[in-house]
């Protein structure tokens, strides 16, 4: 019982706990800022990746063929080719998407 009373009234750990609170506060604030910058970096890289995907040309065409017997003018088999031309979509160039990717973004005041 006397030992617990001695520990209860002991003030030698007060400075250490105040230092711990200060160090942990700085660590938590640094962690918040670091995670915020990490989120901005990830968003910027994903934006670059989406621009790369949007810049891919997805057009294609397949040639046709026809088969005509040598002794006839009538076609034996014919297949016409097909073509698809990729049009520019709304978000291919990210002109209509507002992305906040850093301090120099258009919507932020410096």
PDB file of N, CA and C in Angstrom:
ATOM      1  N   UNK A   1       0.812  -1.188   0.000  1.00  0.00           N
ATOM      2  CA  UNK A   1       0.000   0.000   0.000  1.00  0.00           C
ATOM      3  C   UNK A   1       0.859   1.257   0.000  1.00  0.00           C
ATOM      4  N   UNK A   2       1.939   1.232   0.704  1.00  0.00           N
ATOM      5  CA  UNK A   2       2.799   2.396   0.788  1.00  0.00           C
ATOM      6  C   UNK A   2       3.494   2.628  -0.564  1.00  0.00           C
ATOM      7  N   UNK A   3       3.830   1.556  -1.273  1.00  0.00           N
ATOM      8  CA  UNK A   3       4.470   1.684  -2.571  1.00  0.00           C
ATOM      9  C   UNK A   3       3.539   2.367  -3.595  1.00  0.00           C
ATOM     10  N   UNK A   4       2.254   2.001  -3.571  1.00  0.00           N
ATOM     11  CA  UNK A   4       1.316   2.627  -4.507  1.00  0.00           C
ATOM     12  C   UNK A   4       1.112   4.110  -4.180  1.00  0.00           C
ATOM     13  N   UNK A   5       1.121   4.483  -2.894  1.00  0.00           N
ATOM     14  CA  UNK A   5       1.018   5.893  -2.514  1.00  0.00           C
ATOM     15  C   UNK A   5       2.254   6.661  -2.961  1.00  0.00           C
ATOM     16  N   UNK A   6       3.407   6.006  -2.859  1.00  0.00           N
ATOM     17  CA  UNK A   6       4.646   6.647  -3.273  1.00  0.00           C
ATOM     18  C   UNK A   6       4.623   6.894  -4.793  1.00  0.00           C
ATOM     19  N   UNK A   7       4.148   5.937  -5.582  1.00  0.00           N
ATOM     20  CA  UNK A   7       4.055   6.091  -7.030  1.00  0.00           C
ATOM     21  C   UNK A   7       3.006   7.131  -7.410  1.00  0.00           C
ATOM     22  N   UNK A   8       1.915   7.202  -6.637  1.00  0.00           N
ATOM     23  CA  UNK A   8       0.842   8.151  -6.939  1.00  0.00           C
ATOM     24  C   UNK A   8       1.315   9.596  -6.795  1.00  0.00           C
ATOM     25  N   UNK A   9       2.119   9.872  -5.832  1.00  0.00           N
ATOM     26  CA  UNK A   9       2.575  11.238  -5.582  1.00  0.00           C
ATOM     27  C   UNK A   9       3.923  11.551  -6.227  1.00  0.00           C
ATOM     28  N   UNK A  10       4.464  10.635  -6.985  1.00  0.00           N
ATOM     29  CA  UNK A  10       5.754  10.850  -7.646  1.00  0.00           C
ATOM     30  C   UNK A  10       5.550  11.719  -8.887  1.00  0.00           C
ATOM     31  N   UNK A  11       6.273  12.833  -8.984  1.00  0.00           N
ATOM     32  CA  UNK A  11       6.143  13.765 -10.113  1.00  0.00           C
ATOM     33  C   UNK A  11       7.294  13.664 -11.103  1.00  0.00           C
ATOM     34  N   UNK A  12       8.172  12.732 -10.964  1.00  0.00           N
ATOM     35  CA  UNK A  12       9.349  12.703 -11.833  1.00  0.00           C
ATOM     36  C   UNK A  12       9.003  12.301 -13.272  1.00  0.00           C
ATOM     37  N   UNK A  13       7.836  11.718 -13.535  1.00  0.00           N
ATOM     38  CA  UNK A  13       7.461  11.324 -14.887  1.00  0.00           C
ATOM     39  C   UNK A  13       6.668  12.376 -15.632  1.00  0.00           C
ATOM     40  N   UNK A  14       6.396  13.524 -15.046  1.00  0.00           N
ATOM     41  CA  UNK A  14       5.563  14.549 -15.672  1.00  0.00           C
ATOM     42  C   UNK A  14       6.255  15.156 -16.883  1.00  0.00           C
ATOM     43  N   UNK A  15       7.545  15.380 -16.806  1.00  0.00           N
ATOM     44  CA  UNK A  15       8.276  15.976 -17.915  1.00  0.00           C
ATOM     45  C   UNK A  15       8.335  14.996 -19.079  1.00  0.00           C
ATOM     46  N   UNK A  16       8.542  13.733 -18.783  1.00  0.00           N
ATOM     47  CA  UNK A  16       8.626  12.714 -19.827  1.00  0.00           C
ATOM     48  C   UNK A  16       7.280  12.604 -20.557  1.00  0.00           C
ATOM     49  N   UNK A  17       6.172  12.640 -19.841  1.00  0.00           N
ATOM     50  CA  UNK A  17       4.876  12.521 -20.504  1.00  0.00           C
ATOM     51  C   UNK A  17       4.567  13.763 -21.340  1.00  0.00           C
ATOM     52  N   UNK A  18       4.986  14.945 -20.898  1.00  0.00           N
ATOM     53  CA  UNK A  18       4.779  16.151 -21.693  1.00  0.00           C
ATOM     54  C   UNK A  18       5.597  16.088 -22.983  1.00  0.00           C
ATOM     55  N   UNK A  19       6.822  15.567 -22.891  1.00  0.00           N
ATOM     56  CA  UNK A  19       7.641  15.402 -24.089  1.00  0.00           C
ATOM     57  C   UNK A  19       7.014  14.386 -25.038  1.00  0.00           C
ATOM     58  N   UNK A  20       6.466  13.332 -24.495  1.00  0.00           N
ATOM     59  CA  UNK A  20       5.814  12.317 -25.328  1.00  0.00           C
ATOM     60  C   UNK A  20       4.602  12.888 -26.050  1.00  0.00           C
ATOM     61  N   UNK A  21       3.828  13.702 -25.358  1.00  0.00           N
ATOM     62  CA  UNK A  21       2.667  14.324 -26.000  1.00  0.00           C
ATOM     63  C   UNK A  21       3.116  15.229 -27.141  1.00  0.00           C
ATOM     64  N   UNK A  22       4.179  15.998 -26.940  1.00  0.00           N
ATOM     65  CA  UNK A  22       4.692  16.882 -27.991  1.00  0.00           C
ATOM     66  C   UNK A  22       5.225  16.074 -29.178  1.00  0.00           C
ATOM     67  N   UNK A  23       5.989  15.045 -28.897  1.00  0.00           N
ATOM     68  CA  UNK A  23       6.551  14.224 -29.976  1.00  0.00           C
ATOM     69  C   UNK A  23       5.444  13.513 -30.743  1.00  0.00           C
ATOM     70  N   UNK A  24       4.470  12.954 -30.047  1.00  0.00           N
ATOM     71  CA  UNK A  24       3.369  12.270 -30.727  1.00  0.00           C
ATOM     72  C   UNK A  24       2.510  13.244 -31.527  1.00  0.00           C
ATOM     73  N   UNK A  25       2.324  14.468 -31.025  1.00  0.00           N
ATOM     74  CA  UNK A  25       1.560  15.473 -31.791  1.00  0.00           C
ATOM     75  C   UNK A  25       2.263  15.811 -33.093  1.00  0.00           C
ATOM     76  N   UNK A  26       3.575  16.020 -33.034  1.00  0.00           N
ATOM     77  CA  UNK A  26       4.345  16.311 -34.255  1.00  0.00           C
ATOM     78  C   UNK A  26       4.308  15.119 -35.195  1.00  0.00           C
ATOM     79  N   UNK A  27       4.399  13.909 -34.656  1.00  0.00           N
ATOM     80  CA  UNK A  27       4.368  12.710 -35.500  1.00  0.00           C
ATOM     81  C   UNK A  27       3.018  12.549 -36.197  1.00  0.00           C
ATOM     82  N   UNK A  28       1.931  12.794 -35.481  1.00  0.00           N
ATOM     83  CA  UNK A  28       0.597  12.662 -36.082  1.00  0.00           C
ATOM     84  C   UNK A  28       0.384  13.731 -37.152  1.00  0.00           C
ATOM     85  N   UNK A  29       0.799  14.960 -36.886  1.00  0.00           N
ATOM     86  CA  UNK A  29       0.668  16.012 -37.894  1.00  0.00           C
ATOM     87  C   UNK A  29       1.507  15.708 -39.130  1.00  0.00           C
ATOM     88  N   UNK A  30       2.705  15.191 -38.933  1.00  0.00           N
ATOM     89  CA  UNK A  30       3.552  14.812 -40.064  1.00  0.00           C
ATOM     90  C   UNK A  30       2.929  13.686 -40.854  1.00  0.00           C
ATOM     91  N   UNK A  31       2.318  12.739 -40.168  1.00  0.00           N
ATOM     92  CA  UNK A  31       1.663  11.618 -40.833  1.00  0.00           C
ATOM     93  C   UNK A  31       0.478  12.096 -41.670  1.00  0.00           C
ATOM     94  N   UNK A  32      -0.285  13.042 -41.147  1.00  0.00           N
ATOM     95  CA  UNK A  32      -1.438  13.578 -41.891  1.00  0.00           C
ATOM     96  C   UNK A  32      -0.972  14.292 -43.153  1.00  0.00           C
ATOM     97  N   UNK A  33       0.069  15.115 -43.031  1.00  0.00           N
ATOM     98  CA  UNK A  33       0.587  15.830 -44.198  1.00  0.00           C
ATOM     99  C   UNK A  33       1.175  14.847 -45.205  1.00  0.00           C
ATOM    100  N   UNK A  34       1.903  13.854 -44.734  1.00  0.00           N
ATOM    101  CA  UNK A  34       2.493  12.866 -45.628  1.00  0.00           C
ATOM    102  C   UNK A  34       1.447  12.057 -46.368  1.00  0.00           C
ATOM    103  N   UNK A  35       0.393  11.641 -45.672  1.00  0.00           N
ATOM    104  CA  UNK A  35      -0.669  10.882 -46.334  1.00  0.00           C
ATOM    105  C   UNK A  35      -1.434  11.749 -47.325  1.00  0.00           C
ATOM    106  N   UNK A  36      -1.590  13.021 -47.017  1.00  0.00           N
ATOM    107  CA  UNK A  36      -2.242  13.932 -47.958  1.00  0.00           C
ATOM    108  C   UNK A  36      -1.417  14.062 -49.240  1.00  0.00           C
ATOM    109  N   UNK A  37      -0.121  14.222 -49.112  1.00  0.00           N
ATOM    110  CA  UNK A  37       0.751  14.321 -50.289  1.00  0.00           C
ATOM    111  C   UNK A  37       0.791  13.010 -51.053  1.00  0.00           C
ATOM    112  N   UNK A  38       0.724  11.900 -50.355  1.00  0.00           N
ATOM    113  CA  UNK A  38       0.669  10.596 -51.018  1.00  0.00           C
ATOM    114  C   UNK A  38      -0.609  10.457 -51.834  1.00  0.00           C
ATOM    115  N   UNK A  39      -1.716  10.921 -51.282  1.00  0.00           N
ATOM    116  CA  UNK A  39      -2.990  10.859 -52.010  1.00  0.00           C
ATOM    117  C   UNK A  39      -2.942  11.727 -53.266  1.00  0.00           C
ATOM    118  N   UNK A  40      -2.331  12.910 -53.174  1.00  0.00           N
ATOM    119  CA  UNK A  40      -2.204  13.783 -54.346  1.00  0.00           C
ATOM    120  C   UNK A  40      -1.319  13.116 -55.399  1.00  0.00           C
ATOM    121  N   UNK A  41      -0.228  12.490 -54.976  1.00  0.00           N
ATOM    122  CA  UNK A  41       0.668  11.829 -55.924  1.00  0.00           C
ATOM    123  C   UNK A  41      -0.021  10.654 -56.611  1.00  0.00           C
ATOM    124  N   UNK A  42      -0.787   9.872 -55.860  1.00  0.00           N
ATOM    125  CA  UNK A  42      -1.498   8.735 -56.451  1.00  0.00           C
ATOM    126  C   UNK A  42      -2.553   9.235 -57.439  1.00  0.00           C
ATOM    127  N   UNK A  43      -3.283  10.288 -57.083  1.00  0.00           N
ATOM    128  CA  UNK A  43      -4.286  10.845 -58.002  1.00  0.00           C
ATOM    129  C   UNK A  43      -3.645  11.375 -59.280  1.00  0.00           C
ATOM    130  N   UNK A  44      -2.481  12.006 -59.147  1.00  0.00           N
ATOM    131  CA  UNK A  44      -1.783  12.528 -60.322  1.00  0.00           C
ATOM    132  C   UNK A  44      -1.347  11.391 -61.243  1.00  0.00           C
ATOM    133  N   UNK A  45      -0.804  10.324 -60.664  1.00  0.00           N
ATOM    134  CA  UNK A  45      -0.365   9.197 -61.492  1.00  0.00           C
ATOM    135  C   UNK A  45      -1.549   8.487 -62.135  1.00  0.00           C
ATOM    136  N   UNK A  46      -2.650   8.358 -61.410  1.00  0.00           N
ATOM    137  CA  UNK A  46      -3.837   7.735 -62.011  1.00  0.00           C
ATOM    138  C   UNK A  46      -4.414   8.610 -63.119  1.00  0.00           C
ATOM    139  N   UNK A  47      -4.305   9.931 -62.967  1.00  0.00           N
ATOM    140  CA  UNK A  47      -4.731  10.838 -64.024  1.00  0.00           C
ATOM    141  C   UNK A  47      -3.858  10.651 -65.263  1.00  0.00           C
ATOM    142  N   UNK A  48      -2.543  10.522 -65.071  1.00  0.00           N
ATOM    143  CA  UNK A  48      -1.648  10.271 -66.197  1.00  0.00           C
ATOM    144  C   UNK A  48      -1.976   8.939 -66.873  1.00  0.00           C
ATOM    145  N   UNK A  49      -2.283   7.937 -66.079  1.00  0.00           N
ATOM    146  CA  UNK A  49      -2.639   6.628 -66.629  1.00  0.00           C
ATOM    147  C   UNK A  49      -3.940   6.699 -67.421  1.00  0.00           C
ATOM    148  N   UNK A  50      -4.908   7.447 -66.908  1.00  0.00           N
ATOM    149  CA  UNK A  50      -6.168   7.578 -67.644  1.00  0.00           C
ATOM    150  C   UNK A  50      -5.977   8.356 -68.935  1.00  0.00           C
ATOM    151  N   UNK A  51      -5.070   9.345 -68.941  1.00  0.00           N
ATOM    152  CA  UNK A  51      -4.757  10.054 -70.184  1.00  0.00           C
ATOM    153  C   UNK A  51      -4.095   9.125 -71.195  1.00  0.00           C
ATOM    154  N   UNK A  52      -3.235   8.229 -70.701  1.00  0.00           N
ATOM    155  CA  UNK A  52      -2.590   7.279 -71.609  1.00  0.00           C
ATOM    156  C   UNK A  52      -3.613   6.320 -72.203  1.00  0.00           C
ATOM    157  N   UNK A  53      -4.545   5.833 -71.379  1.00  0.00           N
ATOM    158  CA  UNK A  53      -5.593   4.944 -71.900  1.00  0.00           C
ATOM    159  C   UNK A  53      -6.494   5.685 -72.886  1.00  0.00           C
ATOM    160  N   UNK A  54      -6.783   6.944 -72.596  1.00  0.00           N
ATOM    161  CA  UNK A  54      -7.636   7.716 -73.493  1.00  0.00           C
ATOM    162  C   UNK A  54      -6.959   8.034 -74.808  1.00  0.00           C
ATOM    163  N   UNK A  55      -5.627   8.070 -74.832  1.00  0.00           N
ATOM    164  CA  UNK A  55      -4.900   8.387 -76.054  1.00  0.00           C
ATOM    165  C   UNK A  55      -4.732   7.176 -76.968  1.00  0.00           C
ATOM    166  N   UNK A  56      -5.054   5.981 -76.463  1.00  0.00           N
ATOM    167  CA  UNK A  56      -4.943   4.795 -77.319  1.00  0.00           C
ATOM    168  C   UNK A  56      -5.970   4.859 -78.441  1.00  0.00           C
ATOM    169  N   UNK A  57      -5.538   4.554 -79.635  1.00  0.00           N
ATOM    170  CA  UNK A  57      -6.443   4.507 -80.776  1.00  0.00           C
ATOM    171  C   UNK A  57      -6.993   3.086 -80.845  1.00  0.00           C
ATOM    172  N   UNK A  58      -8.292   2.961 -80.703  1.00  0.00           N
ATOM    173  CA  UNK A  58      -8.922   1.652 -80.663  1.00  0.00           C
ATOM    174  C   UNK A  58      -9.604   1.308 -81.980  1.00  0.00           C
ATOM    175  N   UNK A  59      -9.294   2.034 -83.028  1.00  0.00           N
ATOM    176  CA  UNK A  59      -9.880   1.755 -84.335  1.00  0.00           C
ATOM    177  C   UNK A  59      -9.296   0.467 -84.891  1.00  0.00           C
ATOM    178  N   UNK A  60     -10.094  -0.233 -85.685  1.00  0.00           N
ATOM    179  CA  UNK A  60      -9.617  -1.455 -86.315  1.00  0.00           C
ATOM    180  C   UNK A  60     -10.341  -1.656 -87.630  1.00  0.00           C
ATOM    181  N   UNK A  61      -9.773  -2.480 -88.471  1.00  0.00           N
ATOM    182  CA  UNK A  61     -10.455  -2.881 -89.697  1.00  0.00           C
ATOM    183  C   UNK A  61     -10.001  -4.293 -90.052  1.00  0.00           C
ATOM    184  N   UNK A  62     -10.893  -5.055 -90.641  1.00  0.00           N
ATOM    185  CA  UNK A  62     -10.569  -6.404 -91.099  1.00  0.00           C
ATOM    186  C   UNK A  62     -10.807  -6.446 -92.596  1.00  0.00           C
ATOM    187  N   UNK A  63      -9.833  -6.945 -93.342  1.00  0.00           N
ATOM    188  CA  UNK A  63     -10.021  -6.993 -94.791  1.00  0.00           C
ATOM    189  C   UNK A  63     -11.006  -8.086 -95.179  1.00  0.00           C
ATOM    190  N   UNK A  64     -11.676  -7.893 -96.272  1.00  0.00           N
ATOM    191  CA  UNK A  64     -12.590  -8.906 -96.780  1.00  0.00           C
ATOM    192  C   UNK A  64     -11.873  -9.854 -97.724  1.00  0.00           C
ATOM    193  N   UNK A  65     -12.566 -10.893 -98.135  1.00  0.00           N
ATOM    194  CA  UNK A  65     -12.007 -11.821 -99.121  1.00  0.00           C
ATOM    195  C   UNK A  65     -13.132 -12.312-100.021  1.00  0.00           C
ATOM    196  N   UNK A  66     -12.758 -12.765-101.169  1.00  0.00           N
ATOM    197  CA  UNK A  66     -13.727 -13.408-102.044  1.00  0.00           C
ATOM    198  C   UNK A  66     -13.042 -14.556-102.787  1.00  0.00           C
ATOM    199  N   UNK A  67     -13.824 -15.554-103.094  1.00  0.00           N
ATOM    200  CA  UNK A  67     -13.312 -16.726-103.806  1.00  0.00           C
ATOM    201  C   UNK A  67     -14.140 -16.906-105.069  1.00  0.00           C
ATOM    202  N   UNK A  68     -13.457 -16.956-106.180  1.00  0.00           N
ATOM    203  CA  UNK A  68     -14.118 -17.163-107.462  1.00  0.00           C
ATOM    204  C   UNK A  68     -13.456 -18.361-108.153  1.00  0.00           C
ATOM    205  N   UNK A  69     -14.233 -19.357-108.545  1.00  0.00           N
ATOM    206  CA  UNK A  69     -13.623 -20.495-109.259  1.00  0.00           C
ATOM    207  C   UNK A  69     -12.969 -20.015-110.554  1.00  0.00           C
ATOM    208  N   UNK A  70     -11.878 -20.676-110.985  1.00  0.00           N
ATOM    209  CA  UNK A  70     -11.165 -20.197-112.166  1.00  0.00           C
ATOM    210  C   UNK A  70     -11.980 -20.281-113.465  1.00  0.00           C
ATOM    211  N   UNK A  71     -12.944 -21.181-113.562  1.00  0.00           N
ATOM    212  CA  UNK A  71     -13.689 -21.324-114.809  1.00  0.00           C
ATOM    213  C   UNK A  71     -15.057 -20.656-114.756  1.00  0.00           C
ATOM    214  N   UNK A  72     -15.285 -19.757-113.777  1.00  0.00           N
ATOM    215  CA  UNK A  72     -16.599 -19.136-113.644  1.00  0.00           C
ATOM    216  C   UNK A  72     -16.427 -17.669-113.283  1.00  0.00           C
ATOM    217  N   UNK A  73     -17.439 -16.900-113.595  1.00  0.00           N
ATOM    218  CA  UNK A  73     -17.439 -15.493-113.178  1.00  0.00           C
ATOM    219  C   UNK A  73     -18.298 -15.286-111.935  1.00  0.00           C
ATOM    220  N   UNK A  74     -18.950 -16.342-111.496  1.00  0.00           N
ATOM    221  CA  UNK A  74     -19.797 -16.271-110.300  1.00  0.00           C
ATOM    222  C   UNK A  74     -18.940 -16.493-109.054  1.00  0.00           C
ATOM    223  N   UNK A  75     -19.158 -15.645-108.042  1.00  0.00           N
ATOM    224  CA  UNK A  75     -18.398 -15.782-106.803  1.00  0.00           C
ATOM    225  C   UNK A  75     -18.821 -17.046-106.055  1.00  0.00           C
ATOM    226  N   UNK A  76     -17.841 -17.738-105.529  1.00  0.00           N
ATOM    227  CA  UNK A  76     -18.094 -18.929-104.720  1.00  0.00           C
ATOM    228  C   UNK A  76     -18.362 -18.524-103.267  1.00  0.00           C
ATOM    229  N   UNK A  77     -17.547 -17.635-102.748  1.00  0.00           N
ATOM    230  CA  UNK A  77     -17.719 -17.135-101.380  1.00  0.00           C
ATOM    231  C   UNK A  77     -17.215 -15.706-101.332  1.00  0.00           C
ATOM    232  N   UNK A  78     -17.862 -14.908-100.530  1.00  0.00           N
ATOM    233  CA  UNK A  78     -17.431 -13.515-100.390  1.00  0.00           C
ATOM    234  C   UNK A  78     -17.674 -13.078 -98.948  1.00  0.00           C
ATOM    235  N   UNK A  79     -16.740 -12.315 -98.441  1.00  0.00           N
ATOM    236  CA  UNK A  79     -16.858 -11.754 -97.093  1.00  0.00           C
ATOM    237  C   UNK A  79     -16.343 -10.336 -97.142  1.00  0.00           C
ATOM    238  N   UNK A  80     -17.199  -9.393 -96.819  1.00  0.00           N
ATOM    239  CA  UNK A  80     -16.765  -7.995 -96.801  1.00  0.00           C
ATOM    240  C   UNK A  80     -16.137  -7.682 -95.457  1.00  0.00           C
ATOM    241  N   UNK A  81     -15.163  -6.849 -95.485  1.00  0.00           N
ATOM    242  CA  UNK A  81     -14.482  -6.483 -94.245  1.00  0.00           C
ATOM    243  C   UNK A  81     -15.325  -5.564 -93.389  1.00  0.00           C
ATOM    244  N   UNK A  82     -14.849  -5.323 -92.200  1.00  0.00           N
ATOM    245  CA  UNK A  82     -15.555  -4.410 -91.301  1.00  0.00           C
ATOM    246  C   UNK A  82     -14.565  -3.386 -90.764  1.00  0.00           C
ATOM    247  N   UNK A  83     -15.091  -2.259 -90.357  1.00  0.00           N
ATOM    248  CA  UNK A  83     -14.255  -1.161 -89.874  1.00  0.00           C
ATOM    249  C   UNK A  83     -14.934  -0.503 -88.681  1.00  0.00           C
ATOM    250  N   UNK A  84     -14.133  -0.139 -87.707  1.00  0.00           N
ATOM    251  CA  UNK A  84     -14.620   0.634 -86.563  1.00  0.00           C
ATOM    252  C   UNK A  84     -13.658   1.785 -86.348  1.00  0.00           C
ATOM    253  N   UNK A  85     -14.168   3.007 -86.318  1.00  0.00           N
ATOM    254  CA  UNK A  85     -13.350   4.190 -86.073  1.00  0.00           C
ATOM    255  C   UNK A  85     -13.680   4.741 -84.687  1.00  0.00           C
ATOM    256  N   UNK A  86     -12.669   4.817 -83.852  1.00  0.00           N
ATOM    257  CA  UNK A  86     -12.845   5.297 -82.481  1.00  0.00           C
ATOM    258  C   UNK A  86     -12.997   6.808 -82.483  1.00  0.00           C
ATOM    259  N   UNK A  87     -14.063   7.291 -81.873  1.00  0.00           N
ATOM    260  CA  UNK A  87     -14.298   8.733 -81.749  1.00  0.00           C
ATOM    261  C   UNK A  87     -13.765   9.213 -80.404  1.00  0.00           C
ATOM    262  N   UNK A  88     -13.437  10.480 -80.313  1.00  0.00           N
ATOM    263  CA  UNK A  88     -12.955  11.068 -79.071  1.00  0.00           C
ATOM    264  C   UNK A  88     -14.100  11.138 -78.065  1.00  0.00           C
ATOM    265  N   UNK A  89     -13.899  10.551 -76.901  1.00  0.00           N
ATOM    266  CA  UNK A  89     -14.924  10.551 -75.856  1.00  0.00           C
ATOM    267  C   UNK A  89     -14.775  11.780 -74.963  1.00  0.00           C
ATOM    268  N   UNK A  90     -15.728  11.926 -74.030  1.00  0.00           N
ATOM    269  CA  UNK A  90     -15.783  13.111 -73.182  1.00  0.00           C
ATOM    270  C   UNK A  90     -14.566  13.222 -72.269  1.00  0.00           C
ATOM    271  N   UNK A  91     -14.182  12.151 -71.615  1.00  0.00           N
ATOM    272  CA  UNK A  91     -13.095  12.210 -70.633  1.00  0.00           C
ATOM    273  C   UNK A  91     -11.775  11.662 -71.171  1.00  0.00           C
ATOM    274  N   UNK A  92     -11.628  11.514 -72.491  1.00  0.00           N
ATOM    275  CA  UNK A  92     -10.364  11.008 -73.021  1.00  0.00           C
ATOM    276  C   UNK A  92      -9.204  11.945 -72.731  1.00  0.00           C
ATOM    277  N   UNK A  93      -9.451  13.229 -72.753  1.00  0.00           N
ATOM    278  CA  UNK A  93      -8.378  14.191 -72.499  1.00  0.00           C
ATOM    279  C   UNK A  93      -8.518  14.871 -71.143  1.00  0.00           C
ATOM    280  N   UNK A  94      -9.469  14.441 -70.329  1.00  0.00           N
ATOM    281  CA  UNK A  94      -9.708  15.008 -68.988  1.00  0.00           C
ATOM    282  C   UNK A  94      -9.946  16.503 -69.014  1.00  0.00           C
ATOM    283  N   UNK A  95     -10.561  17.008 -70.068  1.00  0.00           N
ATOM    284  CA  UNK A  95     -10.862  18.437 -70.112  1.00  0.00           C
ATOM    285  C   UNK A  95     -12.114  18.769 -69.309  1.00  0.00           C
ATOM    286  N   UNK A  96     -13.026  17.810 -69.181  1.00  0.00           N
ATOM    287  CA  UNK A  96     -14.265  18.079 -68.455  1.00  0.00           C
ATOM    288  C   UNK A  96     -14.218  17.564 -67.021  1.00  0.00           C
ATOM    289  N   UNK A  97     -13.142  16.895 -66.627  1.00  0.00           N
ATOM    290  CA  UNK A  97     -13.034  16.339 -65.281  1.00  0.00           C
ATOM    291  C   UNK A  97     -12.188  17.272 -64.424  1.00  0.00           C
ATOM    292  N   UNK A  98     -12.733  17.753 -63.334  1.00  0.00           N
ATOM    293  CA  UNK A  98     -11.985  18.626 -62.434  1.00  0.00           C
ATOM    294  C   UNK A  98     -11.234  17.769 -61.431  1.00  0.00           C
ATOM    295  N   UNK A  99      -9.911  17.768 -61.540  1.00  0.00           N
ATOM    296  CA  UNK A  99      -9.072  16.989 -60.647  1.00  0.00           C
ATOM    297  C   UNK A  99      -8.204  17.935 -59.835  1.00  0.00           C
ATOM    298  N   UNK A 100      -8.176  17.745 -58.527  1.00  0.00           N
ATOM    299  CA  UNK A 100      -7.303  18.531 -57.666  1.00  0.00           C
ATOM    300  C   UNK A 100      -6.047  17.712 -57.474  1.00  0.00           C
ATOM    301  N   UNK A 101      -4.951  18.149 -58.093  1.00  0.00           N
ATOM    302  CA  UNK A 101      -3.724  17.341 -58.048  1.00  0.00           C
ATOM    303  C   UNK A 101      -2.543  18.124 -57.519  1.00  0.00           C
ATOM    304  N   UNK A 102      -2.747  19.140 -56.745  1.00  0.00           N
ATOM    305  CA  UNK A 102      -1.609  19.835 -56.159  1.00  0.00           C
ATOM    306  C   UNK A 102      -1.888  21.309 -55.937  1.00  0.00           C
ATOM    307  N   UNK A 103      -0.853  22.015 -55.489  1.00  0.00           N
ATOM    308  CA  UNK A 103      -1.002  23.422 -55.132  1.00  0.00           C
ATOM    309  C   UNK A 103      -1.186  24.314 -56.355  1.00  0.00           C
ATOM    310  N   UNK A 104      -0.756  23.851 -57.532  1.00  0.00           N
ATOM    311  CA  UNK A 104      -0.855  24.675 -58.740  1.00  0.00           C
ATOM    312  C   UNK A 104      -2.085  24.323 -59.572  1.00  0.00           C
ATOM    313  N   UNK A 105      -3.060  23.700 -58.973  1.00  0.00           N
ATOM    314  CA  UNK A 105      -4.269  23.348 -59.690  1.00  0.00           C
ATOM    315  C   UNK A 105      -5.078  24.592 -60.005  1.00  0.00           C
ATOM    316  N   UNK A 106      -5.869  24.575 -61.084  1.00  0.00           N
ATOM    317  CA  UNK A 106      -6.598  25.777 -61.489  1.00  0.00           C
ATOM    318  C   UNK A 106      -7.585  26.302 -60.455  1.00  0.00           C
ATOM    319  N   UNK A 107      -8.150  25.445 -59.637  1.00  0.00           N
ATOM    320  CA  UNK A 107      -9.163  25.890 -58.690  1.00  0.00           C
ATOM    321  C   UNK A 107      -8.629  26.400 -57.378  1.00  0.00           C
ATOM    322  N   UNK A 108      -7.316  26.298 -57.154  1.00  0.00           N
ATOM    323  CA  UNK A 108      -6.749  26.672 -55.862  1.00  0.00           C
ATOM    324  C   UNK A 108      -6.033  28.014 -55.956  1.00  0.00           C
ATOM    325  N   UNK A 109      -6.207  28.816 -54.940  1.00  0.00           N
ATOM    326  CA  UNK A 109      -5.539  30.111 -54.855  1.00  0.00           C
ATOM    327  C   UNK A 109      -4.227  29.931 -54.105  1.00  0.00           C
ATOM    328  N   UNK A 110      -3.169  30.574 -54.588  1.00  0.00           N
ATOM    329  CA  UNK A 110      -1.878  30.466 -53.897  1.00  0.00           C
ATOM    330  C   UNK A 110      -1.592  31.743 -53.147  1.00  0.00           C
TER     331      UNK A 110
END
